[in-house]
Amino acid sequence: MAGGFPRFISCRDVRDFYEDFAHADITAENPANKLDGLLFRKEAVDVRSPSGKIIHRGMTPEEKLTASLSDALGFLNDSTYPVLVRIAVFHYWFVYIHPFYDGNGRTARFISSAYIARHLTPLIALRLAVTIKRRKSMYYSLLKDTDAEINCGDLTPFICGFMEFIADTVEDVTRKLRRKISQLERFRHFMAKAVPEGGIEADIMDLLLQASVFYGRGLAMDELMRLTGKSRNTIKAKIRQLPAREVSVAGNRKKYYKIDWAGIARI
């Protein structure tokens, strides 16, 4: 990994990732989808519409699809081309090759997101799959139109459509972040009335507040220890000094400390 995100250089990298990412779940659902080639599938596979019509046939034989995937990975990592163009082209190329019996779309989306996270921001990467799912009809239309014989292999429509997905994701993330930042500033104003600034109590409250606004779940003790650099006993003692209505503990197997937003707003 580089910068915390996996790199996909070789076909072996893709197969190893798929093994950890999806293969077990997919074969548990349908044992016929277990990979049977040297790296990928050995037999042909068809992509069908809800009505059962064949809309795409994956590349065969395995030697050919492996060679094509190797070329696609080479393009993905070729820095002489704009990175977003590389990601879009690779995404289509991967789905066209269809190296697995099942799970090709989710694997392509993960690889695309991993490269977007490295070159843009993880926030965009995390939301891209949501955008594609929300606009699934457009996504499949792009794949179908690009596959069409009359298109003569021109990837421009798919690249432009994929860029639109990224632009929509950027706008969606920006809008959500602005709303969350506004909430954070509002609750920090209320919190300042309840907890004096400058102490470890204020630091703990602010961390819990950020977790509540941006994460929703709260923070576990080990997370609080790592973020504050304080011991478990110190954090527990400081939390006990805070008004009970402001901090609650949730979770069955693992405890998560959460901010009571309503309690803060009533101050």
C-alpha atoms as a PDB file:
ATOM      1  CA  MET A   1       0.000   0.000   0.000  1.00  0.00           C
ATOM      2  CA  ALA A   2       1.014   3.620  -0.614  1.00  0.00           C
ATOM      3  CA  GLY A   3      -0.440   6.333   1.583  1.00  0.00           C
ATOM      4  CA  GLY A   4      -2.787   3.754   3.130  1.00  0.00           C
ATOM      5  CA  PHE A   5      -4.431   2.860  -0.192  1.00  0.00           C
ATOM      6  CA  PRO A   6      -3.697  -0.317  -2.170  1.00  0.00           C
ATOM      7  CA  ARG A   7      -1.914  -0.093  -5.485  1.00  0.00           C
ATOM      8  CA  PHE A   8      -2.902  -2.352  -8.334  1.00  0.00           C
ATOM      9  CA  ILE A   9       0.129  -2.977 -10.522  1.00  0.00           C
ATOM     10  CA  SER A  10      -0.243  -6.566 -11.651  1.00  0.00           C
ATOM     11  CA  CYS A  11      -3.008  -9.074 -12.301  1.00  0.00           C
ATOM     12  CA  ARG A  12      -1.844 -10.913  -9.193  1.00  0.00           C
ATOM     13  CA  ASP A  13      -2.559  -7.748  -7.156  1.00  0.00           C
ATOM     14  CA  VAL A  14      -6.137  -7.750  -8.481  1.00  0.00           C
ATOM     15  CA  ARG A  15      -6.676 -11.450  -7.767  1.00  0.00           C
ATOM     16  CA  ASP A  16      -5.201 -11.213  -4.258  1.00  0.00           C
ATOM     17  CA  PHE A  17      -7.419  -8.229  -3.487  1.00  0.00           C
ATOM     18  CA  TYR A  18     -10.519  -9.970  -4.830  1.00  0.00           C
ATOM     19  CA  GLU A  19      -9.713 -13.007  -2.680  1.00  0.00           C
ATOM     20  CA  ASP A  20      -9.902 -10.874   0.463  1.00  0.00           C
ATOM     21  CA  PHE A  21     -12.592  -8.500  -0.751  1.00  0.00           C
ATOM     22  CA  ALA A  22     -15.376 -10.592  -2.230  1.00  0.00           C
ATOM     23  CA  HIS A  23     -14.515 -14.135  -3.324  1.00  0.00           C
ATOM     24  CA  ALA A  24     -15.606 -15.966  -0.160  1.00  0.00           C
ATOM     25  CA  ASP A  25     -18.971 -14.163   0.069  1.00  0.00           C
ATOM     26  CA  ILE A  26     -19.668 -14.630  -3.624  1.00  0.00           C
ATOM     27  CA  THR A  27     -18.892 -18.351  -3.620  1.00  0.00           C
ATOM     28  CA  ALA A  28     -20.916 -18.814  -0.442  1.00  0.00           C
ATOM     29  CA  GLU A  29     -23.924 -17.363  -2.260  1.00  0.00           C
ATOM     30  CA  ASN A  30     -23.273 -19.441  -5.372  1.00  0.00           C
ATOM     31  CA  PRO A  31     -20.490 -22.072  -5.426  1.00  0.00           C
ATOM     32  CA  ALA A  32     -20.558 -22.002  -9.241  1.00  0.00           C
ATOM     33  CA  ASN A  33     -18.915 -18.567  -9.089  1.00  0.00           C
ATOM     34  CA  LYS A  34     -15.714 -19.930  -7.579  1.00  0.00           C
ATOM     35  CA  LEU A  35     -12.738 -18.973  -9.729  1.00  0.00           C
ATOM     36  CA  ASP A  36     -11.338 -21.911 -11.658  1.00  0.00           C
ATOM     37  CA  GLY A  37      -8.553 -20.443 -13.800  1.00  0.00           C
ATOM     38  CA  LEU A  38      -4.922 -19.681 -13.040  1.00  0.00           C
ATOM     39  CA  LEU A  39      -5.884 -16.247 -11.731  1.00  0.00           C
ATOM     40  CA  PHE A  40      -9.387 -15.547 -12.965  1.00  0.00           C
ATOM     41  CA  ARG A  41     -12.287 -17.430 -14.529  1.00  0.00           C
ATOM     42  CA  LYS A  42     -11.737 -20.181 -17.064  1.00  0.00           C
ATOM     43  CA  GLU A  43     -15.228 -20.317 -18.567  1.00  0.00           C
ATOM     44  CA  ALA A  44     -17.297 -17.704 -20.390  1.00  0.00           C
ATOM     45  CA  VAL A  45     -19.689 -15.449 -18.477  1.00  0.00           C
ATOM     46  CA  ASP A  46     -22.622 -13.349 -19.635  1.00  0.00           C
ATOM     47  CA  VAL A  47     -24.074 -10.181 -18.163  1.00  0.00           C
ATOM     48  CA  ARG A  48     -27.842 -10.255 -18.473  1.00  0.00           C
ATOM     49  CA  SER A  49     -30.573  -7.659 -18.164  1.00  0.00           C
ATOM     50  CA  PRO A  50     -33.425  -8.153 -15.642  1.00  0.00           C
ATOM     51  CA  SER A  51     -35.408  -9.737 -18.485  1.00  0.00           C
ATOM     52  CA  GLY A  52     -32.639 -12.285 -19.113  1.00  0.00           C
ATOM     53  CA  LYS A  53     -31.301 -10.749 -22.313  1.00  0.00           C
ATOM     54  CA  ILE A  54     -27.529 -10.969 -22.783  1.00  0.00           C
ATOM     55  CA  ILE A  55     -26.160  -7.423 -22.750  1.00  0.00           C
ATOM     56  CA  HIS A  56     -22.448  -8.229 -22.491  1.00  0.00           C
ATOM     57  CA  ARG A  57     -20.178 -11.248 -22.731  1.00  0.00           C
ATOM     58  CA  GLY A  58     -16.952 -11.217 -20.759  1.00  0.00           C
ATOM     59  CA  MET A  59     -13.652 -11.663 -22.530  1.00  0.00           C
ATOM     60  CA  THR A  60     -12.345 -15.198 -23.100  1.00  0.00           C
ATOM     61  CA  PRO A  61     -10.139 -17.223 -22.903  1.00  0.00           C
ATOM     62  CA  GLU A  62      -8.361 -16.523 -19.611  1.00  0.00           C
ATOM     63  CA  GLU A  63      -5.013 -15.896 -21.326  1.00  0.00           C
ATOM     64  CA  LYS A  64      -6.609 -13.122 -23.399  1.00  0.00           C
ATOM     65  CA  LEU A  65      -8.457 -11.490 -20.500  1.00  0.00           C
ATOM     66  CA  THR A  66      -5.315 -11.624 -18.348  1.00  0.00           C
ATOM     67  CA  ALA A  67      -3.254  -9.942 -21.050  1.00  0.00           C
ATOM     68  CA  SER A  68      -5.933  -7.277 -21.537  1.00  0.00           C
ATOM     69  CA  LEU A  69      -6.207  -6.643 -17.795  1.00  0.00           C
ATOM     70  CA  SER A  70      -2.430  -6.269 -17.617  1.00  0.00           C
ATOM     71  CA  ASP A  71      -2.656  -3.601 -20.338  1.00  0.00           C
ATOM     72  CA  ALA A  72      -5.487  -1.879 -18.444  1.00  0.00           C
ATOM     73  CA  LEU A  73      -3.406  -1.791 -15.258  1.00  0.00           C
ATOM     74  CA  GLY A  74      -0.484  -0.380 -17.204  1.00  0.00           C
ATOM     75  CA  PHE A  75      -2.696   2.449 -18.442  1.00  0.00           C
ATOM     76  CA  LEU A  76      -4.139   3.051 -14.967  1.00  0.00           C
ATOM     77  CA  ASN A  77      -0.633   3.614 -13.597  1.00  0.00           C
ATOM     78  CA  ASP A  78       0.725   5.612 -16.559  1.00  0.00           C
ATOM     79  CA  SER A  79       1.229   9.133 -15.191  1.00  0.00           C
ATOM     80  CA  THR A  80       1.618  10.637 -18.663  1.00  0.00           C
ATOM     81  CA  TYR A  81      -2.196  10.707 -18.884  1.00  0.00           C
ATOM     82  CA  PRO A  82      -4.567  12.743 -16.651  1.00  0.00           C
ATOM     83  CA  VAL A  83      -5.376  10.694 -13.584  1.00  0.00           C
ATOM     84  CA  LEU A  84      -9.174  10.979 -13.775  1.00  0.00           C
ATOM     85  CA  VAL A  85      -9.109   9.903 -17.428  1.00  0.00           C
ATOM     86  CA  ARG A  86      -6.975   6.911 -16.445  1.00  0.00           C
ATOM     87  CA  ILE A  87      -9.421   5.935 -13.711  1.00  0.00           C
ATOM     88  CA  ALA A  88     -12.455   6.265 -16.000  1.00  0.00           C
ATOM     89  CA  VAL A  89     -10.866   4.284 -18.833  1.00  0.00           C
ATOM     90  CA  PHE A  90      -9.688   1.563 -16.466  1.00  0.00           C
ATOM     91  CA  HIS A  91     -13.121   1.322 -14.857  1.00  0.00           C
ATOM     92  CA  TYR A  92     -14.802   0.662 -18.194  1.00  0.00           C
ATOM     93  CA  TRP A  93     -11.999  -1.620 -19.373  1.00  0.00           C
ATOM     94  CA  PHE A  94     -12.207  -3.749 -16.220  1.00  0.00           C
ATOM     95  CA  VAL A  95     -15.981  -4.168 -16.485  1.00  0.00           C
ATOM     96  CA  TYR A  96     -15.630  -4.972 -20.201  1.00  0.00           C
ATOM     97  CA  ILE A  97     -13.039  -7.694 -19.484  1.00  0.00           C
ATOM     98  CA  HIS A  98     -15.164  -9.102 -16.635  1.00  0.00           C
ATOM     99  CA  PRO A  99     -12.392 -11.233 -15.112  1.00  0.00           C
ATOM    100  CA  PHE A 100     -14.597 -12.791 -12.397  1.00  0.00           C
ATOM    101  CA  TYR A 101     -17.830 -14.746 -12.546  1.00  0.00           C
ATOM    102  CA  ASP A 102     -19.411 -12.238 -10.163  1.00  0.00           C
ATOM    103  CA  GLY A 103     -18.370  -9.123  -8.245  1.00  0.00           C
ATOM    104  CA  ASN A 104     -16.785  -7.302 -11.185  1.00  0.00           C
ATOM    105  CA  GLY A 105     -18.731  -4.071 -10.674  1.00  0.00           C
ATOM    106  CA  ARG A 106     -17.980  -3.747  -6.972  1.00  0.00           C
ATOM    107  CA  THR A 107     -14.304  -4.545  -7.567  1.00  0.00           C
ATOM    108  CA  ALA A 108     -14.060  -1.945 -10.339  1.00  0.00           C
ATOM    109  CA  ARG A 109     -15.714   0.637  -8.092  1.00  0.00           C
ATOM    110  CA  PHE A 110     -13.315  -0.109  -5.247  1.00  0.00           C
ATOM    111  CA  ILE A 111     -10.220   0.194  -7.453  1.00  0.00           C
ATOM    112  CA  SER A 112     -11.540   3.449  -8.922  1.00  0.00           C
ATOM    113  CA  SER A 113     -12.249   4.755  -5.417  1.00  0.00           C
ATOM    114  CA  ALA A 114      -8.793   3.736  -4.165  1.00  0.00           C
ATOM    115  CA  TYR A 115      -7.102   5.804  -6.881  1.00  0.00           C
ATOM    116  CA  ILE A 116      -9.465   8.744  -6.380  1.00  0.00           C
ATOM    117  CA  ALA A 117      -8.700   8.626  -2.643  1.00  0.00           C
ATOM    118  CA  ARG A 118      -4.985   8.795  -3.379  1.00  0.00           C
ATOM    119  CA  HIS A 119      -5.184  11.605  -5.928  1.00  0.00           C
ATOM    120  CA  LEU A 120      -8.173  13.630  -4.675  1.00  0.00           C
ATOM    121  CA  THR A 121      -9.494  12.837  -1.193  1.00  0.00           C
ATOM    122  CA  PRO A 122     -10.906   9.781   0.601  1.00  0.00           C
ATOM    123  CA  LEU A 123     -14.165  11.678   1.157  1.00  0.00           C
ATOM    124  CA  ILE A 124     -14.846  11.733  -2.598  1.00  0.00           C
ATOM    125  CA  ALA A 125     -13.793   8.101  -2.927  1.00  0.00           C
ATOM    126  CA  LEU A 126     -16.126   6.946  -0.166  1.00  0.00           C
ATOM    127  CA  ARG A 127     -19.147   8.660  -1.709  1.00  0.00           C
ATOM    128  CA  LEU A 128     -18.492   7.775  -5.368  1.00  0.00           C
ATOM    129  CA  ALA A 129     -20.096   4.334  -5.088  1.00  0.00           C
ATOM    130  CA  VAL A 130     -23.167   5.974  -3.514  1.00  0.00           C
ATOM    131  CA  THR A 131     -23.428   8.370  -6.453  1.00  0.00           C
ATOM    132  CA  ILE A 132     -23.124   5.546  -8.983  1.00  0.00           C
ATOM    133  CA  LYS A 133     -25.742   3.496  -7.140  1.00  0.00           C
ATOM    134  CA  ARG A 134     -28.087   6.489  -7.040  1.00  0.00           C
ATOM    135  CA  ARG A 135     -27.648   6.958 -10.794  1.00  0.00           C
ATOM    136  CA  LYS A 136     -27.484   3.279 -11.647  1.00  0.00           C
ATOM    137  CA  SER A 137     -29.623   3.601 -14.769  1.00  0.00           C
ATOM    138  CA  MET A 138     -27.258   6.180 -16.242  1.00  0.00           C
ATOM    139  CA  TYR A 139     -24.252   4.040 -15.283  1.00  0.00           C
ATOM    140  CA  TYR A 140     -25.579   0.977 -17.099  1.00  0.00           C
ATOM    141  CA  SER A 141     -26.627   3.088 -20.076  1.00  0.00           C
ATOM    142  CA  LEU A 142     -23.079   4.407 -20.356  1.00  0.00           C
ATOM    143  CA  LEU A 143     -21.697   0.873 -20.320  1.00  0.00           C
ATOM    144  CA  LYS A 144     -24.254  -0.287 -22.887  1.00  0.00           C
ATOM    145  CA  ASP A 145     -23.725   2.686 -25.227  1.00  0.00           C
ATOM    146  CA  THR A 146     -19.940   2.341 -25.051  1.00  0.00           C
ATOM    147  CA  ASP A 147     -20.216  -1.392 -25.798  1.00  0.00           C
ATOM    148  CA  ALA A 148     -22.424  -0.768 -28.834  1.00  0.00           C
ATOM    149  CA  GLU A 149     -20.866  -1.715 -32.162  1.00  0.00           C
ATOM    150  CA  ILE A 150     -21.972   1.578 -33.712  1.00  0.00           C
ATOM    151  CA  ASN A 151     -19.826   3.395 -31.115  1.00  0.00           C
ATOM    152  CA  CYS A 152     -16.684   1.900 -32.701  1.00  0.00           C
ATOM    153  CA  GLY A 153     -14.840   1.623 -29.389  1.00  0.00           C
ATOM    154  CA  ASP A 154     -14.994   5.354 -28.568  1.00  0.00           C
ATOM    155  CA  LEU A 155     -14.666   5.709 -24.780  1.00  0.00           C
ATOM    156  CA  THR A 156     -15.440   9.442 -24.760  1.00  0.00           C
ATOM    157  CA  PRO A 157     -19.099   9.030 -23.674  1.00  0.00           C
ATOM    158  CA  PHE A 158     -18.128   6.811 -20.740  1.00  0.00           C
ATOM    159  CA  ILE A 159     -15.259   9.085 -19.689  1.00  0.00           C
ATOM    160  CA  CYS A 160     -17.538  12.144 -19.747  1.00  0.00           C
ATOM    161  CA  GLY A 161     -20.253  10.302 -17.838  1.00  0.00           C
ATOM    162  CA  PHE A 162     -17.790   9.061 -15.235  1.00  0.00           C
ATOM    163  CA  MET A 163     -16.479  12.603 -14.792  1.00  0.00           C
ATOM    164  CA  GLU A 164     -20.072  13.687 -14.198  1.00  0.00           C
ATOM    165  CA  PHE A 165     -20.349  11.085 -11.413  1.00  0.00           C
ATOM    166  CA  ILE A 166     -17.193  12.481  -9.817  1.00  0.00           C
ATOM    167  CA  ALA A 167     -18.423  16.089 -10.163  1.00  0.00           C
ATOM    168  CA  ASP A 168     -21.769  15.147  -8.594  1.00  0.00           C
ATOM    169  CA  THR A 169     -19.927  13.435  -5.754  1.00  0.00           C
ATOM    170  CA  VAL A 170     -17.760  16.503  -5.126  1.00  0.00           C
ATOM    171  CA  GLU A 171     -20.853  18.710  -4.977  1.00  0.00           C
ATOM    172  CA  ASP A 172     -22.652  16.268  -2.670  1.00  0.00           C
ATOM    173  CA  VAL A 173     -19.680  15.979  -0.282  1.00  0.00           C
ATOM    174  CA  THR A 174     -19.144  19.749  -0.265  1.00  0.00           C
ATOM    175  CA  ARG A 175     -22.806  20.380   0.553  1.00  0.00           C
ATOM    176  CA  LYS A 176     -22.792  17.814   3.365  1.00  0.00           C
ATOM    177  CA  LEU A 177     -19.532  19.107   4.834  1.00  0.00           C
ATOM    178  CA  ARG A 178     -20.813  22.690   4.901  1.00  0.00           C
ATOM    179  CA  ARG A 179     -23.926  21.554   6.755  1.00  0.00           C
ATOM    180  CA  LYS A 180     -21.879  19.486   9.219  1.00  0.00           C
ATOM    181  CA  ILE A 181     -19.417  22.331   9.841  1.00  0.00           C
ATOM    182  CA  SER A 182     -22.335  24.652  10.550  1.00  0.00           C
ATOM    183  CA  GLN A 183     -23.698  22.127  13.060  1.00  0.00           C
ATOM    184  CA  LEU A 184     -20.278  21.752  14.671  1.00  0.00           C
ATOM    185  CA  GLU A 185     -19.852  25.502  15.124  1.00  0.00           C
ATOM    186  CA  ARG A 186     -23.350  25.796  16.573  1.00  0.00           C
ATOM    187  CA  PHE A 187     -22.815  23.058  19.153  1.00  0.00           C
ATOM    188  CA  ARG A 188     -19.329  24.302  20.024  1.00  0.00           C
ATOM    189  CA  HIS A 189     -20.983  27.594  20.978  1.00  0.00           C
ATOM    190  CA  PHE A 190     -23.340  25.764  23.348  1.00  0.00           C
ATOM    191  CA  MET A 191     -20.553  23.543  24.677  1.00  0.00           C
ATOM    192  CA  ALA A 192     -18.392  26.531  25.619  1.00  0.00           C
ATOM    193  CA  LYS A 193     -21.050  27.499  28.179  1.00  0.00           C
ATOM    194  CA  ALA A 194     -20.839  24.108  29.893  1.00  0.00           C
ATOM    195  CA  VAL A 195     -17.122  23.211  29.808  1.00  0.00           C
ATOM    196  CA  PRO A 196     -14.256  25.649  30.447  1.00  0.00           C
ATOM    197  CA  GLU A 197     -11.822  25.983  27.550  1.00  0.00           C
ATOM    198  CA  GLY A 198      -8.208  24.870  27.776  1.00  0.00           C
ATOM    199  CA  GLY A 199      -8.572  21.696  29.850  1.00  0.00           C
ATOM    200  CA  ILE A 200      -8.606  18.004  28.967  1.00  0.00           C
ATOM    201  CA  GLU A 201     -12.359  17.973  29.625  1.00  0.00           C
ATOM    202  CA  ALA A 202     -12.877  20.463  26.812  1.00  0.00           C
ATOM    203  CA  ASP A 203     -10.637  18.409  24.503  1.00  0.00           C
ATOM    204  CA  ILE A 204     -12.614  15.255  25.235  1.00  0.00           C
ATOM    205  CA  MET A 205     -15.926  17.014  24.702  1.00  0.00           C
ATOM    206  CA  ASP A 206     -14.765  18.512  21.420  1.00  0.00           C
ATOM    207  CA  LEU A 207     -13.579  15.119  20.138  1.00  0.00           C
ATOM    208  CA  LEU A 208     -16.888  13.536  21.088  1.00  0.00           C
ATOM    209  CA  LEU A 209     -18.734  16.410  19.472  1.00  0.00           C
ATOM    210  CA  GLN A 210     -16.813  15.997  16.195  1.00  0.00           C
ATOM    211  CA  ALA A 211     -17.472  12.252  16.264  1.00  0.00           C
ATOM    212  CA  SER A 212     -21.185  12.878  16.812  1.00  0.00           C
ATOM    213  CA  VAL A 213     -21.447  15.390  13.974  1.00  0.00           C
ATOM    214  CA  PHE A 214     -19.260  13.673  11.370  1.00  0.00           C
ATOM    215  CA  TYR A 215     -19.381  10.023  12.432  1.00  0.00           C
ATOM    216  CA  GLY A 216     -22.555   9.477  14.427  1.00  0.00           C
ATOM    217  CA  ARG A 217     -21.335   6.536  16.455  1.00  0.00           C
ATOM    218  CA  GLY A 218     -19.234   8.171  19.150  1.00  0.00           C
ATOM    219  CA  LEU A 219     -15.702   7.207  20.234  1.00  0.00           C
ATOM    220  CA  ALA A 220     -14.415   4.154  22.071  1.00  0.00           C
ATOM    221  CA  MET A 221     -11.991   4.457  24.979  1.00  0.00           C
ATOM    222  CA  ASP A 222      -9.002   3.302  22.904  1.00  0.00           C
ATOM    223  CA  GLU A 223      -9.791   5.997  20.333  1.00  0.00           C
ATOM    224  CA  LEU A 224     -10.003   8.683  23.026  1.00  0.00           C
ATOM    225  CA  MET A 225      -6.676   7.515  24.482  1.00  0.00           C
ATOM    226  CA  ARG A 226      -4.989   7.670  21.087  1.00  0.00           C
ATOM    227  CA  LEU A 227      -6.399  11.083  20.190  1.00  0.00           C
ATOM    228  CA  THR A 228      -5.700  12.762  23.543  1.00  0.00           C
ATOM    229  CA  GLY A 229      -2.517  10.950  24.518  1.00  0.00           C
ATOM    230  CA  LYS A 230      -4.001  10.403  27.987  1.00  0.00           C
ATOM    231  CA  SER A 231      -4.404   7.204  30.000  1.00  0.00           C
ATOM    232  CA  ARG A 232      -7.632   5.285  30.417  1.00  0.00           C
ATOM    233  CA  ASN A 233      -7.913   6.254  34.091  1.00  0.00           C
ATOM    234  CA  THR A 234      -7.380   9.953  33.309  1.00  0.00           C
ATOM    235  CA  ILE A 235     -10.051   9.983  30.608  1.00  0.00           C
ATOM    236  CA  LYS A 236     -12.548   8.112  32.784  1.00  0.00           C
ATOM    237  CA  ALA A 237     -11.941  10.539  35.644  1.00  0.00           C
ATOM    238  CA  LYS A 238     -12.425  13.567  33.378  1.00  0.00           C
ATOM    239  CA  ILE A 239     -15.601  12.158  31.831  1.00  0.00           C
ATOM    240  CA  ARG A 240     -17.055  11.608  35.335  1.00  0.00           C
ATOM    241  CA  GLN A 241     -16.545  15.311  35.996  1.00  0.00           C
ATOM    242  CA  LEU A 242     -18.720  16.271  33.033  1.00  0.00           C
ATOM    243  CA  PRO A 243     -22.475  16.749  33.485  1.00  0.00           C
ATOM    244  CA  ALA A 244     -24.163  13.339  33.103  1.00  0.00           C
ATOM    245  CA  ARG A 245     -26.671  14.606  30.584  1.00  0.00           C
ATOM    246  CA  GLU A 246     -23.954  15.578  28.118  1.00  0.00           C
ATOM    247  CA  VAL A 247     -22.069  12.285  27.718  1.00  0.00           C
ATOM    248  CA  SER A 248     -23.694   8.872  27.395  1.00  0.00           C
ATOM    249  CA  VAL A 249     -22.278   5.394  26.811  1.00  0.00           C
ATOM    250  CA  ALA A 250     -23.734   3.100  24.161  1.00  0.00           C
ATOM    251  CA  GLY A 251     -22.849  -0.256  22.651  1.00  0.00           C
ATOM    252  CA  ASN A 252     -23.130  -3.874  23.684  1.00  0.00           C
ATOM    253  CA  ARG A 253     -19.731  -5.512  23.219  1.00  0.00           C
ATOM    254  CA  LYS A 254     -17.762  -2.282  23.011  1.00  0.00           C
ATOM    255  CA  LYS A 255     -18.574   0.960  24.773  1.00  0.00           C
ATOM    256  CA  TYR A 256     -18.794   4.179  22.777  1.00  0.00           C
ATOM    257  CA  TYR A 257     -18.954   7.558  24.455  1.00  0.00           C
ATOM    258  CA  LYS A 258     -21.413   9.883  22.756  1.00  0.00           C
ATOM    259  CA  ILE A 259     -22.437  13.500  23.067  1.00  0.00           C
ATOM    260  CA  ASP A 260     -26.026  14.269  23.995  1.00  0.00           C
ATOM    261  CA  TRP A 261     -26.742  16.979  21.446  1.00  0.00           C
ATOM    262  CA  ALA A 262     -30.125  17.794  22.920  1.00  0.00           C
ATOM    263  CA  GLY A 263     -28.549  18.266  26.347  1.00  0.00           C
ATOM    264  CA  ILE A 264     -25.992  20.707  24.964  1.00  0.00           C
ATOM    265  CA  ALA A 265     -28.642  22.660  23.055  1.00  0.00           C
ATOM    266  CA  ARG A 266     -30.677  23.137  26.250  1.00  0.00           C
ATOM    267  CA  ILE A 267     -27.795  24.886  28.018  1.00  0.00           C
END
